[in-house]
Amino acid sequence: MTPRTDPPRGFPHDGEVAHPDASPDLTPIVGANLRRLRVKRGLSLERLAKQSGVSRAMLGQVELGQSTPTINVLWKISLALDVPFSALLGGAGSTPRVSLLPLERARMLMSRDGAFRSRALFPFDTRRAVEFYELRLTAHGAEHADPHPPGTTENLVVQAGALKLTVDRESFTLATGDAIYFEADRPHIYENPGDVETVMYLVMTYARDAR
């Protein structure tokens, strides 16, 4: 058995870096937003690292546009900054009355192993209290989600495949077409118990907009 070794000092942990197939155009956007929000709150990289549980090295590389974090790491950062998830993914602006979001230009967020994929089904140009996502989970894949900000809720429907959802220690099994609504300010786990990909649609609602 190969002994476990920690990553070299100054480099992010492997578990913090997204799968190579994650959308590369998000890297500079996330970096600029992270720096803007961190400076606005008067936080050093060291302080934000302590509050978020994300290494200082990773935060620094994200700000410089050198690394794309995983979905879970982005959630940890948004929670520490007390902003909606989408605040790290887009800039302030005005949304046109009609926004076409072509699949071929979708910005895909992924877990480290690529098993969990998230595609935003809304434009990133404004902050919002409600977000809409398409989620995909590979066969027998799992994604562990940290608690979201207090008051956050998730309304999820399974479009294809099956899902085992655990909220705190209570588990629920959903088949194709089943839906569930739950308070997401507690740890929760998405698991695919089947042999085919699970496709889900998620509406995330925050208690309030980003400050």
N, C-alpha and C. Protein backbone atom coordinates (compact mmCIF):
# COMPACT_ATOMS: atom_id res chain seq x y z
N MET A 1 0.84 -1.19 0.00
CA MET A 1 0.00 0.00 0.00
C MET A 1 0.88 1.24 0.00
N THR A 2 0.62 2.17 -0.89
CA THR A 2 1.42 3.38 -0.99
C THR A 2 1.05 4.33 0.14
N PRO A 3 2.01 4.81 0.90
CA PRO A 3 1.69 5.71 2.01
C PRO A 3 1.14 7.03 1.49
N ARG A 4 0.22 7.62 2.23
CA ARG A 4 -0.38 8.89 1.85
C ARG A 4 0.61 10.01 2.11
N THR A 5 0.73 10.91 1.18
CA THR A 5 1.58 12.07 1.36
C THR A 5 0.76 13.31 1.15
N ASP A 6 1.04 14.34 1.91
CA ASP A 6 0.34 15.61 1.75
C ASP A 6 0.90 16.35 0.54
N PRO A 7 0.07 17.22 -0.10
CA PRO A 7 0.57 17.98 -1.23
C PRO A 7 1.67 18.92 -0.80
N PRO A 8 2.57 19.31 -1.72
CA PRO A 8 3.64 20.22 -1.37
C PRO A 8 3.08 21.51 -0.78
N ARG A 9 3.80 22.12 0.12
CA ARG A 9 3.35 23.36 0.74
C ARG A 9 3.22 24.44 -0.32
N GLY A 10 2.12 25.18 -0.26
CA GLY A 10 1.90 26.24 -1.25
C GLY A 10 1.03 25.81 -2.40
N PHE A 11 0.68 24.54 -2.46
CA PHE A 11 -0.18 24.04 -3.54
C PHE A 11 -1.51 23.60 -2.95
N PRO A 12 -2.61 23.79 -3.72
CA PRO A 12 -3.92 23.38 -3.21
C PRO A 12 -4.02 21.88 -3.08
N HIS A 13 -4.88 21.43 -2.17
CA HIS A 13 -5.12 20.01 -2.01
C HIS A 13 -5.86 19.48 -3.24
N ASP A 14 -5.62 18.23 -3.61
CA ASP A 14 -6.23 17.64 -4.79
C ASP A 14 -7.75 17.71 -4.73
N GLY A 15 -8.32 17.53 -3.54
CA GLY A 15 -9.76 17.52 -3.40
C GLY A 15 -10.42 18.86 -3.66
N GLU A 16 -9.62 19.94 -3.77
CA GLU A 16 -10.18 21.26 -3.99
C GLU A 16 -10.22 21.64 -5.47
N VAL A 17 -9.52 20.91 -6.31
CA VAL A 17 -9.41 21.27 -7.72
C VAL A 17 -10.43 20.51 -8.55
N ALA A 18 -11.13 21.22 -9.43
CA ALA A 18 -12.20 20.62 -10.21
C ALA A 18 -11.65 19.67 -11.27
N HIS A 19 -12.54 18.84 -11.79
CA HIS A 19 -12.21 17.92 -12.87
C HIS A 19 -11.76 18.72 -14.10
N PRO A 20 -10.82 18.21 -14.90
CA PRO A 20 -10.32 18.94 -16.07
C PRO A 20 -11.41 19.33 -17.07
N ASP A 21 -12.54 18.63 -17.08
CA ASP A 21 -13.61 18.95 -18.04
C ASP A 21 -14.47 20.12 -17.60
N ALA A 22 -14.25 20.66 -16.41
CA ALA A 22 -15.02 21.83 -15.96
C ALA A 22 -14.77 23.00 -16.90
N SER A 23 -15.76 23.87 -17.07
CA SER A 23 -15.68 24.96 -18.02
C SER A 23 -14.52 25.90 -17.68
N PRO A 24 -13.51 26.02 -18.57
CA PRO A 24 -12.35 26.86 -18.26
C PRO A 24 -12.66 28.35 -18.26
N ASP A 25 -13.72 28.77 -18.98
CA ASP A 25 -14.02 30.20 -19.03
C ASP A 25 -14.54 30.73 -17.71
N LEU A 26 -14.91 29.84 -16.79
CA LEU A 26 -15.37 30.27 -15.47
C LEU A 26 -14.20 30.65 -14.56
N THR A 27 -13.01 30.15 -14.84
CA THR A 27 -11.87 30.34 -13.95
C THR A 27 -11.56 31.81 -13.70
N PRO A 28 -11.39 32.66 -14.72
CA PRO A 28 -11.10 34.07 -14.44
C PRO A 28 -12.28 34.80 -13.83
N ILE A 29 -13.51 34.39 -14.16
CA ILE A 29 -14.71 35.04 -13.61
C ILE A 29 -14.79 34.79 -12.11
N VAL A 30 -14.63 33.52 -11.72
CA VAL A 30 -14.67 33.17 -10.30
C VAL A 30 -13.55 33.89 -9.55
N GLY A 31 -12.36 33.94 -10.14
CA GLY A 31 -11.23 34.60 -9.50
C GLY A 31 -11.49 36.07 -9.23
N ALA A 32 -12.02 36.77 -10.23
CA ALA A 32 -12.29 38.21 -10.07
C ALA A 32 -13.37 38.45 -9.03
N ASN A 33 -14.42 37.62 -9.04
CA ASN A 33 -15.50 37.79 -8.07
C ASN A 33 -15.04 37.47 -6.66
N LEU A 34 -14.22 36.43 -6.52
CA LEU A 34 -13.71 36.07 -5.20
C LEU A 34 -12.90 37.22 -4.61
N ARG A 35 -12.00 37.78 -5.39
CA ARG A 35 -11.17 38.87 -4.89
C ARG A 35 -12.04 40.09 -4.53
N ARG A 36 -12.99 40.43 -5.40
CA ARG A 36 -13.85 41.59 -5.15
C ARG A 36 -14.64 41.42 -3.85
N LEU A 37 -15.25 40.24 -3.67
CA LEU A 37 -16.07 40.01 -2.48
C LEU A 37 -15.22 39.90 -1.22
N ARG A 38 -14.05 39.30 -1.34
CA ARG A 38 -13.16 39.17 -0.17
C ARG A 38 -12.69 40.55 0.28
N VAL A 39 -12.24 41.38 -0.67
CA VAL A 39 -11.75 42.72 -0.33
C VAL A 39 -12.89 43.57 0.23
N LYS A 40 -14.08 43.44 -0.35
CA LYS A 40 -15.24 44.21 0.13
C LYS A 40 -15.53 43.92 1.59
N ARG A 41 -15.29 42.69 2.01
CA ARG A 41 -15.55 42.29 3.39
C ARG A 41 -14.33 42.47 4.29
N GLY A 42 -13.24 42.96 3.73
CA GLY A 42 -12.06 43.22 4.53
C GLY A 42 -11.38 41.97 5.05
N LEU A 43 -11.46 40.89 4.27
CA LEU A 43 -10.88 39.62 4.69
C LEU A 43 -9.54 39.36 4.01
N SER A 44 -8.57 38.90 4.77
CA SER A 44 -7.33 38.43 4.17
C SER A 44 -7.55 37.02 3.65
N LEU A 45 -6.62 36.53 2.84
CA LEU A 45 -6.72 35.15 2.38
C LEU A 45 -6.66 34.18 3.55
N GLU A 46 -5.82 34.51 4.54
CA GLU A 46 -5.70 33.64 5.70
C GLU A 46 -7.01 33.57 6.48
N ARG A 47 -7.66 34.72 6.66
CA ARG A 47 -8.92 34.75 7.41
C ARG A 47 -10.02 34.00 6.66
N LEU A 48 -10.09 34.20 5.34
CA LEU A 48 -11.10 33.51 4.55
C LEU A 48 -10.85 32.01 4.54
N ALA A 49 -9.58 31.62 4.53
CA ALA A 49 -9.25 30.19 4.56
C ALA A 49 -9.76 29.56 5.86
N LYS A 50 -9.60 30.26 6.98
CA LYS A 50 -10.08 29.75 8.26
C LYS A 50 -11.60 29.67 8.30
N GLN A 51 -12.26 30.67 7.74
CA GLN A 51 -13.73 30.71 7.78
C GLN A 51 -14.36 29.69 6.84
N SER A 52 -13.70 29.43 5.71
CA SER A 52 -14.29 28.56 4.69
C SER A 52 -13.83 27.11 4.78
N GLY A 53 -12.66 26.87 5.37
CA GLY A 53 -12.10 25.53 5.36
C GLY A 53 -11.41 25.18 4.06
N VAL A 54 -11.22 26.18 3.20
CA VAL A 54 -10.50 26.01 1.93
C VAL A 54 -9.08 26.53 2.13
N SER A 55 -8.10 25.81 1.64
CA SER A 55 -6.72 26.19 1.89
C SER A 55 -6.40 27.57 1.31
N ARG A 56 -5.48 28.28 1.97
CA ARG A 56 -5.06 29.59 1.48
C ARG A 56 -4.46 29.48 0.09
N ALA A 57 -3.70 28.39 -0.14
CA ALA A 57 -3.09 28.20 -1.44
C ALA A 57 -4.14 28.12 -2.54
N MET A 58 -5.23 27.37 -2.27
CA MET A 58 -6.29 27.25 -3.26
C MET A 58 -6.97 28.58 -3.51
N LEU A 59 -7.29 29.31 -2.45
CA LEU A 59 -7.94 30.61 -2.59
C LEU A 59 -7.07 31.55 -3.42
N GLY A 60 -5.76 31.54 -3.14
CA GLY A 60 -4.84 32.40 -3.90
C GLY A 60 -4.80 32.04 -5.37
N GLN A 61 -4.77 30.75 -5.68
CA GLN A 61 -4.72 30.34 -7.08
C GLN A 61 -6.04 30.62 -7.79
N VAL A 62 -7.15 30.51 -7.07
CA VAL A 62 -8.45 30.85 -7.68
C VAL A 62 -8.48 32.34 -8.02
N GLU A 63 -8.05 33.18 -7.09
CA GLU A 63 -8.05 34.63 -7.34
C GLU A 63 -7.17 34.99 -8.53
N LEU A 64 -6.09 34.29 -8.72
CA LEU A 64 -5.17 34.56 -9.82
C LEU A 64 -5.62 33.93 -11.13
N GLY A 65 -6.73 33.18 -11.09
CA GLY A 65 -7.21 32.53 -12.30
C GLY A 65 -6.37 31.34 -12.72
N GLN A 66 -5.70 30.72 -11.74
CA GLN A 66 -4.82 29.59 -12.04
C GLN A 66 -5.45 28.24 -11.75
N SER A 67 -6.56 28.23 -11.00
CA SER A 67 -7.21 26.97 -10.64
C SER A 67 -8.71 27.14 -10.66
N THR A 68 -9.41 26.06 -11.07
CA THR A 68 -10.86 26.03 -11.01
C THR A 68 -11.26 25.14 -9.85
N PRO A 69 -11.99 25.67 -8.85
CA PRO A 69 -12.37 24.86 -7.70
C PRO A 69 -13.53 23.93 -8.00
N THR A 70 -13.72 22.94 -7.16
CA THR A 70 -14.85 22.03 -7.29
C THR A 70 -16.14 22.74 -6.87
N ILE A 71 -17.28 22.11 -7.18
CA ILE A 71 -18.57 22.65 -6.76
C ILE A 71 -18.60 22.81 -5.24
N ASN A 72 -18.14 21.80 -4.52
CA ASN A 72 -18.21 21.83 -3.06
C ASN A 72 -17.35 22.95 -2.48
N VAL A 73 -16.19 23.19 -3.09
CA VAL A 73 -15.32 24.27 -2.62
C VAL A 73 -15.98 25.63 -2.88
N LEU A 74 -16.63 25.77 -4.02
CA LEU A 74 -17.35 27.03 -4.30
C LEU A 74 -18.45 27.27 -3.27
N TRP A 75 -19.13 26.20 -2.87
CA TRP A 75 -20.17 26.34 -1.85
C TRP A 75 -19.56 26.80 -0.53
N LYS A 76 -18.42 26.23 -0.16
CA LYS A 76 -17.77 26.62 1.09
C LYS A 76 -17.38 28.09 1.07
N ILE A 77 -16.87 28.55 -0.09
CA ILE A 77 -16.47 29.95 -0.20
C ILE A 77 -17.68 30.87 -0.14
N SER A 78 -18.75 30.51 -0.85
CA SER A 78 -19.94 31.36 -0.85
C SER A 78 -20.55 31.44 0.55
N LEU A 79 -20.52 30.33 1.29
CA LEU A 79 -21.05 30.33 2.65
C LEU A 79 -20.21 31.23 3.55
N ALA A 80 -18.89 31.14 3.43
CA ALA A 80 -18.01 31.97 4.25
C ALA A 80 -18.17 33.45 3.93
N LEU A 81 -18.45 33.78 2.67
CA LEU A 81 -18.65 35.17 2.25
C LEU A 81 -20.08 35.64 2.45
N ASP A 82 -20.98 34.70 2.78
CA ASP A 82 -22.40 35.00 2.99
C ASP A 82 -23.03 35.59 1.72
N VAL A 83 -22.81 34.90 0.59
CA VAL A 83 -23.39 35.31 -0.68
C VAL A 83 -24.00 34.09 -1.36
N PRO A 84 -24.98 34.29 -2.26
CA PRO A 84 -25.49 33.17 -3.05
C PRO A 84 -24.38 32.57 -3.90
N PHE A 85 -24.53 31.31 -4.24
CA PHE A 85 -23.56 30.59 -5.07
C PHE A 85 -23.27 31.35 -6.35
N SER A 86 -24.31 31.89 -7.00
CA SER A 86 -24.15 32.55 -8.29
C SER A 86 -23.36 33.84 -8.21
N ALA A 87 -23.18 34.40 -7.00
CA ALA A 87 -22.40 35.63 -6.86
C ALA A 87 -20.95 35.42 -7.26
N LEU A 88 -20.47 34.17 -7.20
CA LEU A 88 -19.10 33.87 -7.60
C LEU A 88 -18.98 33.57 -9.09
N LEU A 89 -20.11 33.42 -9.77
CA LEU A 89 -20.08 32.95 -11.15
C LEU A 89 -20.36 34.02 -12.18
N GLY A 90 -20.82 35.18 -11.79
CA GLY A 90 -21.15 36.21 -12.77
C GLY A 90 -20.94 37.59 -12.20
N GLY A 91 -21.19 38.59 -13.05
CA GLY A 91 -21.01 39.98 -12.63
C GLY A 91 -22.33 40.70 -12.56
N ALA A 92 -22.30 41.88 -11.97
CA ALA A 92 -23.51 42.69 -11.87
C ALA A 92 -23.86 43.26 -13.23
N GLY A 93 -25.13 43.39 -13.51
CA GLY A 93 -25.57 43.92 -14.79
C GLY A 93 -27.08 43.83 -14.88
N SER A 94 -27.59 44.13 -16.03
CA SER A 94 -29.03 44.06 -16.23
C SER A 94 -29.35 42.88 -17.14
N THR A 95 -30.34 42.09 -16.77
CA THR A 95 -30.73 40.94 -17.56
C THR A 95 -31.70 41.34 -18.66
N PRO A 96 -31.45 40.98 -19.91
CA PRO A 96 -32.41 41.29 -20.97
C PRO A 96 -33.71 40.54 -20.75
N ARG A 97 -34.76 40.99 -21.44
CA ARG A 97 -36.06 40.35 -21.26
C ARG A 97 -36.05 38.90 -21.72
N VAL A 98 -35.19 38.57 -22.68
CA VAL A 98 -35.05 37.19 -23.16
C VAL A 98 -33.57 36.84 -23.15
N SER A 99 -33.20 35.73 -22.52
CA SER A 99 -31.81 35.28 -22.48
C SER A 99 -31.75 33.84 -22.98
N LEU A 100 -31.14 33.63 -24.15
CA LEU A 100 -30.95 32.29 -24.69
C LEU A 100 -29.68 31.70 -24.10
N LEU A 101 -29.78 30.47 -23.61
CA LEU A 101 -28.64 29.80 -22.97
C LEU A 101 -28.33 28.52 -23.74
N PRO A 102 -27.60 28.60 -24.85
CA PRO A 102 -27.32 27.41 -25.68
C PRO A 102 -26.52 26.35 -24.92
N LEU A 103 -26.86 25.10 -25.15
CA LEU A 103 -26.17 24.00 -24.48
C LEU A 103 -24.68 24.00 -24.78
N GLU A 104 -24.32 24.30 -26.04
CA GLU A 104 -22.90 24.23 -26.42
C GLU A 104 -22.07 25.30 -25.74
N ARG A 105 -22.70 26.33 -25.17
CA ARG A 105 -21.95 27.36 -24.46
C ARG A 105 -22.20 27.32 -22.95
N ALA A 106 -22.73 26.20 -22.50
CA ALA A 106 -23.03 26.07 -21.07
C ALA A 106 -21.76 26.07 -20.24
N ARG A 107 -21.83 26.70 -19.08
CA ARG A 107 -20.72 26.69 -18.14
C ARG A 107 -20.95 25.55 -17.15
N MET A 108 -20.09 24.55 -17.23
CA MET A 108 -20.29 23.32 -16.46
C MET A 108 -19.40 23.31 -15.22
N LEU A 109 -20.02 23.20 -14.06
CA LEU A 109 -19.29 23.03 -12.81
C LEU A 109 -19.29 21.55 -12.47
N MET A 110 -18.17 21.07 -11.91
CA MET A 110 -18.03 19.64 -11.69
C MET A 110 -17.37 19.34 -10.36
N SER A 111 -17.60 18.12 -9.89
CA SER A 111 -16.88 17.62 -8.73
C SER A 111 -15.48 17.20 -9.15
N ARG A 112 -14.63 16.91 -8.19
CA ARG A 112 -13.25 16.55 -8.48
C ARG A 112 -13.15 15.34 -9.40
N ASP A 113 -14.00 14.31 -9.15
CA ASP A 113 -13.93 13.09 -9.95
C ASP A 113 -14.79 13.14 -11.21
N GLY A 114 -15.51 14.24 -11.41
CA GLY A 114 -16.34 14.37 -12.60
C GLY A 114 -17.68 13.66 -12.51
N ALA A 115 -17.98 13.03 -11.36
CA ALA A 115 -19.23 12.27 -11.24
C ALA A 115 -20.44 13.17 -11.13
N PHE A 116 -20.27 14.35 -10.56
CA PHE A 116 -21.38 15.28 -10.33
C PHE A 116 -21.17 16.51 -11.18
N ARG A 117 -22.19 16.85 -11.99
CA ARG A 117 -22.09 18.00 -12.88
C ARG A 117 -23.29 18.92 -12.67
N SER A 118 -23.02 20.20 -12.70
CA SER A 118 -24.07 21.19 -12.49
C SER A 118 -24.03 22.22 -13.62
N ARG A 119 -25.21 22.47 -14.24
CA ARG A 119 -25.31 23.49 -15.29
C ARG A 119 -26.36 24.50 -14.87
N ALA A 120 -25.97 25.76 -14.78
CA ALA A 120 -26.91 26.81 -14.42
C ALA A 120 -27.86 27.07 -15.58
N LEU A 121 -29.14 27.14 -15.28
CA LEU A 121 -30.17 27.40 -16.30
C LEU A 121 -30.72 28.81 -16.13
N PHE A 122 -29.83 29.72 -15.80
CA PHE A 122 -30.18 31.13 -15.66
C PHE A 122 -28.95 31.96 -15.99
N PRO A 123 -29.11 33.21 -16.43
CA PRO A 123 -27.94 34.04 -16.74
C PRO A 123 -27.25 34.48 -15.46
N PHE A 124 -25.93 34.65 -15.56
CA PHE A 124 -25.13 35.02 -14.40
C PHE A 124 -24.96 36.53 -14.24
N ASP A 125 -25.64 37.34 -15.08
CA ASP A 125 -25.33 38.76 -15.10
C ASP A 125 -25.97 39.56 -13.98
N THR A 126 -26.85 38.96 -13.21
CA THR A 126 -27.41 39.65 -12.05
C THR A 126 -27.46 38.69 -10.86
N ARG A 127 -27.46 39.23 -9.65
CA ARG A 127 -27.62 38.42 -8.46
C ARG A 127 -29.10 38.12 -8.28
N ARG A 128 -29.41 36.97 -7.76
CA ARG A 128 -30.80 36.60 -7.62
C ARG A 128 -30.99 35.73 -6.38
N ALA A 129 -32.22 35.71 -5.88
CA ALA A 129 -32.53 34.93 -4.68
C ALA A 129 -32.99 33.52 -5.03
N VAL A 130 -33.29 33.27 -6.32
CA VAL A 130 -33.73 31.95 -6.78
C VAL A 130 -32.85 31.53 -7.95
N GLU A 131 -32.33 30.29 -7.90
CA GLU A 131 -31.47 29.77 -8.96
C GLU A 131 -32.02 28.44 -9.46
N PHE A 132 -31.77 28.14 -10.74
CA PHE A 132 -32.31 26.95 -11.39
C PHE A 132 -31.16 26.19 -12.03
N TYR A 133 -31.01 24.89 -11.70
CA TYR A 133 -29.89 24.10 -12.17
C TYR A 133 -30.33 22.76 -12.77
N GLU A 134 -29.55 22.29 -13.73
CA GLU A 134 -29.62 20.90 -14.17
C GLU A 134 -28.45 20.17 -13.52
N LEU A 135 -28.73 19.07 -12.85
CA LEU A 135 -27.70 18.28 -12.18
C LEU A 135 -27.62 16.90 -12.81
N ARG A 136 -26.41 16.39 -12.97
CA ARG A 136 -26.20 15.05 -13.49
C ARG A 136 -25.24 14.30 -12.58
N LEU A 137 -25.59 13.05 -12.28
CA LEU A 137 -24.78 12.22 -11.39
C LEU A 137 -24.57 10.87 -12.04
N THR A 138 -23.31 10.50 -12.24
CA THR A 138 -23.00 9.25 -12.91
C THR A 138 -23.44 8.04 -12.10
N ALA A 139 -23.54 6.90 -12.75
CA ALA A 139 -23.96 5.67 -12.08
C ALA A 139 -23.09 5.41 -10.84
N HIS A 140 -23.76 5.18 -9.72
CA HIS A 140 -23.12 4.88 -8.44
C HIS A 140 -22.24 6.03 -7.94
N GLY A 141 -22.45 7.22 -8.48
CA GLY A 141 -21.70 8.38 -8.02
C GLY A 141 -22.35 9.01 -6.80
N ALA A 142 -21.61 9.88 -6.13
CA ALA A 142 -22.12 10.56 -4.94
C ALA A 142 -21.51 11.95 -4.84
N GLU A 143 -22.27 12.85 -4.25
CA GLU A 143 -21.78 14.21 -3.98
C GLU A 143 -22.21 14.61 -2.58
N HIS A 144 -21.24 14.98 -1.75
CA HIS A 144 -21.51 15.41 -0.38
C HIS A 144 -21.55 16.94 -0.36
N ALA A 145 -22.66 17.50 0.02
CA ALA A 145 -22.85 18.95 0.04
C ALA A 145 -22.83 19.47 1.46
N ASP A 146 -22.05 20.52 1.69
CA ASP A 146 -22.04 21.17 2.99
C ASP A 146 -23.32 21.98 3.18
N PRO A 147 -23.65 22.34 4.41
CA PRO A 147 -24.84 23.17 4.64
C PRO A 147 -24.75 24.50 3.89
N HIS A 148 -25.85 24.92 3.29
CA HIS A 148 -25.92 26.20 2.62
C HIS A 148 -26.32 27.27 3.63
N PRO A 149 -26.32 28.54 3.25
CA PRO A 149 -26.68 29.60 4.22
C PRO A 149 -28.04 29.36 4.85
N PRO A 150 -28.23 29.79 6.11
CA PRO A 150 -29.51 29.60 6.80
C PRO A 150 -30.68 30.13 5.97
N GLY A 151 -31.74 29.35 5.93
CA GLY A 151 -32.92 29.75 5.18
C GLY A 151 -32.94 29.27 3.74
N THR A 152 -31.85 28.65 3.27
CA THR A 152 -31.79 28.14 1.90
C THR A 152 -32.63 26.87 1.78
N THR A 153 -33.41 26.78 0.70
CA THR A 153 -34.19 25.58 0.45
C THR A 153 -33.87 25.05 -0.94
N GLU A 154 -34.08 23.74 -1.12
CA GLU A 154 -33.92 23.10 -2.42
C GLU A 154 -35.21 22.38 -2.79
N ASN A 155 -35.63 22.56 -4.03
CA ASN A 155 -36.79 21.86 -4.59
C ASN A 155 -36.27 21.10 -5.81
N LEU A 156 -36.26 19.77 -5.73
CA LEU A 156 -35.58 18.96 -6.72
C LEU A 156 -36.53 17.93 -7.31
N VAL A 157 -36.43 17.71 -8.63
CA VAL A 157 -37.22 16.67 -9.30
C VAL A 157 -36.27 15.80 -10.11
N VAL A 158 -36.49 14.48 -10.07
CA VAL A 158 -35.67 13.53 -10.82
C VAL A 158 -36.28 13.36 -12.20
N GLN A 159 -35.53 13.72 -13.23
CA GLN A 159 -36.03 13.63 -14.60
C GLN A 159 -35.71 12.27 -15.22
N ALA A 160 -34.58 11.67 -14.82
CA ALA A 160 -34.20 10.35 -15.33
C ALA A 160 -33.34 9.65 -14.28
N GLY A 161 -33.48 8.33 -14.19
CA GLY A 161 -32.71 7.57 -13.23
C GLY A 161 -33.34 7.59 -11.85
N ALA A 162 -32.50 7.40 -10.84
CA ALA A 162 -32.97 7.34 -9.45
C ALA A 162 -32.00 8.12 -8.57
N LEU A 163 -32.48 8.47 -7.38
CA LEU A 163 -31.66 9.26 -6.46
C LEU A 163 -31.91 8.82 -5.03
N LYS A 164 -30.82 8.70 -4.27
CA LYS A 164 -30.91 8.57 -2.82
C LYS A 164 -30.41 9.88 -2.24
N LEU A 165 -31.27 10.58 -1.52
CA LEU A 165 -30.91 11.86 -0.92
C LEU A 165 -30.91 11.70 0.60
N THR A 166 -29.80 12.09 1.21
CA THR A 166 -29.70 12.04 2.66
C THR A 166 -29.57 13.46 3.18
N VAL A 167 -30.49 13.87 4.06
CA VAL A 167 -30.45 15.18 4.69
C VAL A 167 -30.24 14.95 6.17
N ASP A 168 -29.12 15.47 6.70
CA ASP A 168 -28.67 15.07 8.03
C ASP A 168 -28.52 13.55 8.02
N ARG A 169 -29.30 12.82 8.82
CA ARG A 169 -29.18 11.35 8.83
C ARG A 169 -30.43 10.68 8.28
N GLU A 170 -31.32 11.45 7.70
CA GLU A 170 -32.56 10.90 7.15
C GLU A 170 -32.43 10.74 5.64
N SER A 171 -32.71 9.52 5.13
CA SER A 171 -32.54 9.23 3.71
C SER A 171 -33.89 9.07 3.01
N PHE A 172 -33.90 9.48 1.73
CA PHE A 172 -35.09 9.39 0.91
C PHE A 172 -34.69 8.81 -0.45
N THR A 173 -35.51 7.91 -0.98
CA THR A 173 -35.25 7.32 -2.29
C THR A 173 -36.26 7.87 -3.29
N LEU A 174 -35.75 8.44 -4.39
CA LEU A 174 -36.60 9.04 -5.41
C LEU A 174 -36.43 8.29 -6.72
N ALA A 175 -37.53 7.95 -7.37
CA ALA A 175 -37.52 7.36 -8.69
C ALA A 175 -37.78 8.45 -9.72
N THR A 176 -37.71 8.09 -11.00
CA THR A 176 -37.95 9.05 -12.07
C THR A 176 -39.33 9.71 -11.89
N GLY A 177 -39.35 11.02 -11.91
CA GLY A 177 -40.59 11.77 -11.75
C GLY A 177 -40.87 12.22 -10.34
N ASP A 178 -40.18 11.64 -9.36
CA ASP A 178 -40.39 12.04 -7.97
C ASP A 178 -39.73 13.39 -7.70
N ALA A 179 -40.31 14.14 -6.76
CA ALA A 179 -39.77 15.44 -6.38
C ALA A 179 -39.64 15.51 -4.87
N ILE A 180 -38.80 16.42 -4.41
CA ILE A 180 -38.60 16.59 -2.97
C ILE A 180 -38.25 18.05 -2.69
N TYR A 181 -38.66 18.53 -1.54
CA TYR A 181 -38.38 19.90 -1.09
C TYR A 181 -37.79 19.80 0.31
N PHE A 182 -36.67 20.47 0.54
CA PHE A 182 -36.06 20.36 1.87
C PHE A 182 -35.25 21.61 2.20
N GLU A 183 -35.04 21.81 3.49
CA GLU A 183 -34.19 22.89 3.97
C GLU A 183 -32.74 22.46 3.80
N ALA A 184 -32.01 23.27 3.04
CA ALA A 184 -30.65 22.86 2.64
C ALA A 184 -29.56 23.47 3.51
N ASP A 185 -29.93 24.04 4.65
CA ASP A 185 -28.91 24.57 5.55
C ASP A 185 -28.41 23.50 6.51
N ARG A 186 -28.48 22.25 6.05
CA ARG A 186 -27.96 21.10 6.78
C ARG A 186 -27.14 20.25 5.80
N PRO A 187 -26.20 19.43 6.27
CA PRO A 187 -25.43 18.58 5.36
C PRO A 187 -26.37 17.67 4.58
N HIS A 188 -26.09 17.50 3.29
CA HIS A 188 -26.92 16.58 2.49
C HIS A 188 -26.06 15.90 1.44
N ILE A 189 -26.49 14.69 1.07
CA ILE A 189 -25.72 13.85 0.15
C ILE A 189 -26.62 13.40 -0.99
N TYR A 190 -26.14 13.59 -2.23
CA TYR A 190 -26.83 13.05 -3.40
C TYR A 190 -26.11 11.76 -3.80
N GLU A 191 -26.84 10.67 -3.96
CA GLU A 191 -26.24 9.40 -4.37
C GLU A 191 -27.07 8.78 -5.49
N ASN A 192 -26.40 8.23 -6.48
CA ASN A 192 -27.06 7.52 -7.57
C ASN A 192 -26.93 6.02 -7.30
N PRO A 193 -28.03 5.34 -6.93
CA PRO A 193 -27.95 3.92 -6.61
C PRO A 193 -28.03 3.02 -7.83
N GLY A 194 -28.25 3.61 -9.01
CA GLY A 194 -28.50 2.82 -10.21
C GLY A 194 -27.30 2.68 -11.14
N ASP A 195 -27.55 2.00 -12.25
CA ASP A 195 -26.50 1.74 -13.24
C ASP A 195 -26.53 2.71 -14.41
N VAL A 196 -27.44 3.69 -14.38
CA VAL A 196 -27.51 4.70 -15.44
C VAL A 196 -27.40 6.08 -14.79
N GLU A 197 -27.09 7.06 -15.60
CA GLU A 197 -26.94 8.43 -15.11
C GLU A 197 -28.26 8.96 -14.55
N THR A 198 -28.17 9.70 -13.46
CA THR A 198 -29.34 10.38 -12.90
C THR A 198 -29.32 11.84 -13.35
N VAL A 199 -30.45 12.29 -13.85
CA VAL A 199 -30.61 13.69 -14.29
C VAL A 199 -31.66 14.33 -13.39
N MET A 200 -31.32 15.49 -12.83
CA MET A 200 -32.23 16.17 -11.91
C MET A 200 -32.32 17.65 -12.27
N TYR A 201 -33.41 18.27 -11.87
CA TYR A 201 -33.56 19.72 -11.99
C TYR A 201 -33.81 20.29 -10.60
N LEU A 202 -33.08 21.34 -10.29
CA LEU A 202 -33.06 21.88 -8.94
C LEU A 202 -33.38 23.36 -8.93
N VAL A 203 -34.30 23.76 -8.06
CA VAL A 203 -34.56 25.17 -7.79
C VAL A 203 -34.02 25.47 -6.40
N MET A 204 -33.05 26.37 -6.33
CA MET A 204 -32.43 26.78 -5.08
C MET A 204 -32.96 28.15 -4.70
N THR A 205 -33.49 28.28 -3.49
CA THR A 205 -34.06 29.55 -3.03
C THR A 205 -33.33 29.99 -1.77
N TYR A 206 -32.82 31.22 -1.80
CA TYR A 206 -32.12 31.79 -0.65
C TYR A 206 -33.07 32.63 0.18
N ALA A 207 -32.72 32.80 1.45
CA ALA A 207 -33.55 33.62 2.33
C ALA A 207 -33.47 35.09 1.97
N ARG A 208 -32.33 35.49 1.39
CA ARG A 208 -32.14 36.88 1.00
C ARG A 208 -31.07 36.96 -0.07
N ASP A 209 -30.97 38.09 -0.76
CA ASP A 209 -29.95 38.29 -1.77
C ASP A 209 -28.61 38.50 -1.13
N ALA A 210 -27.57 38.45 -1.99
CA ALA A 210 -26.22 38.74 -1.50
C ALA A 210 -26.14 40.17 -0.98
N ARG A 211 -25.37 40.35 0.05
CA ARG A 211 -25.23 41.69 0.62
C ARG A 211 -24.33 42.53 -0.28
